[in-house]
Amino acid sequence: MEAAIPVLLWVNFASSMALFGGCGFRLLAPERAAAAAIDPVLRCILIGAAVLALLGALALLGVEAAAMADDWSAAVDPDTVGDVLTSTTFGQVWVWRLILGALAVAAAVRLGPHWAVLGLAVPLLATLALTGHAAMGEGVPGLFHRANQMVHLLAAGAWLGGLIPLALLVRRAQAGRAGTEPVLRRFSAYGTVAVLLILASGCVNTFALIDPLSGLFSTPYGNVLLAKLALVASMIGIALVNRLILLPSLSAREGEAVARLRRSLAIEIVAGALVLAAASLLGTLAPAIA
């Protein structure tokens, strides 16, 4: 049972971020005509992300019920699942995630990339901050930690989820379609803001969950966090290469620069998936607090 939890956490993180970031960046794109060209493919991706978010939430609810009863059959037992939903903090949050997930599926199917989908994706992602380590604190510090975790998740979703429409636009640019360069440059600025928020909120989380800081090197939680930080640093390095080297080359219409940018984005997406894997594992480990 315990092994299934980080896997399902990854599904919930990844799908919610794909829905939020993918829809959000598409709606903020300055070149509407160029951005609209990716809508048929992006619509399918957003529908898939919404469906996965809903199914992932249902599956994790079942696993939590099974863990509470220490019996896999409890995952589909209405009484046990009902107890989880009504008598635990996780369950109370999960009721809203299930409702939001169902509404997001309906909105994505009917509307595609739309402000209504984005409006549902924001709380769908943010509610993940109301479970796990951030939910343990009480009073004002606890509220601050949860708010900080919401900022962390939304900033990560903006960056990682935004890579999806960006990759679609780079593929369009590689095919020789005009009008994509301004959109690519917008993501560079958009991503910079997201990264700054990720780093600031991540520092707060580190100080809240690792005390003393030597726990970074002496505990399983700290070791996984170090691996996550190394992956984030690699992603920032890739993003800097994209911004400072590859994007300026696009204006000179260098086809090789577009191909390199596409490969770079593929690596960045894989690194992002690994970051979410580390974050999901952290959610199952005890904080390094003495």
Foldseek 3Di string as FASTA:
>chain_A
DLVVQLVLLLLLLVLLLLLQQQLVLLVVFPQVVLSVVCQVVQLVSNLVSLVSNLVSLLQNLLVVLCVVVVHSVSSPPVVSSVCCLPPDQVNVLSVLLNVLSVVLNVCSVVPGSDVVNNVSSLSNQLSVLCDFPLVPDDDPVSVVLSVLVSLLSSLLSNLLSNLVSVLVSLVVVLVVDPDSLSSNLVSLVSNVVSLVSNVVSVVVVQVVQAPPPCCLPVPPLNVLVVVLVVLSVVLVVLSCCCNPPLSVVVVVVDSVSSVVNSVSSVVSNVSSSVSSSSVSVSRSDHGNHD
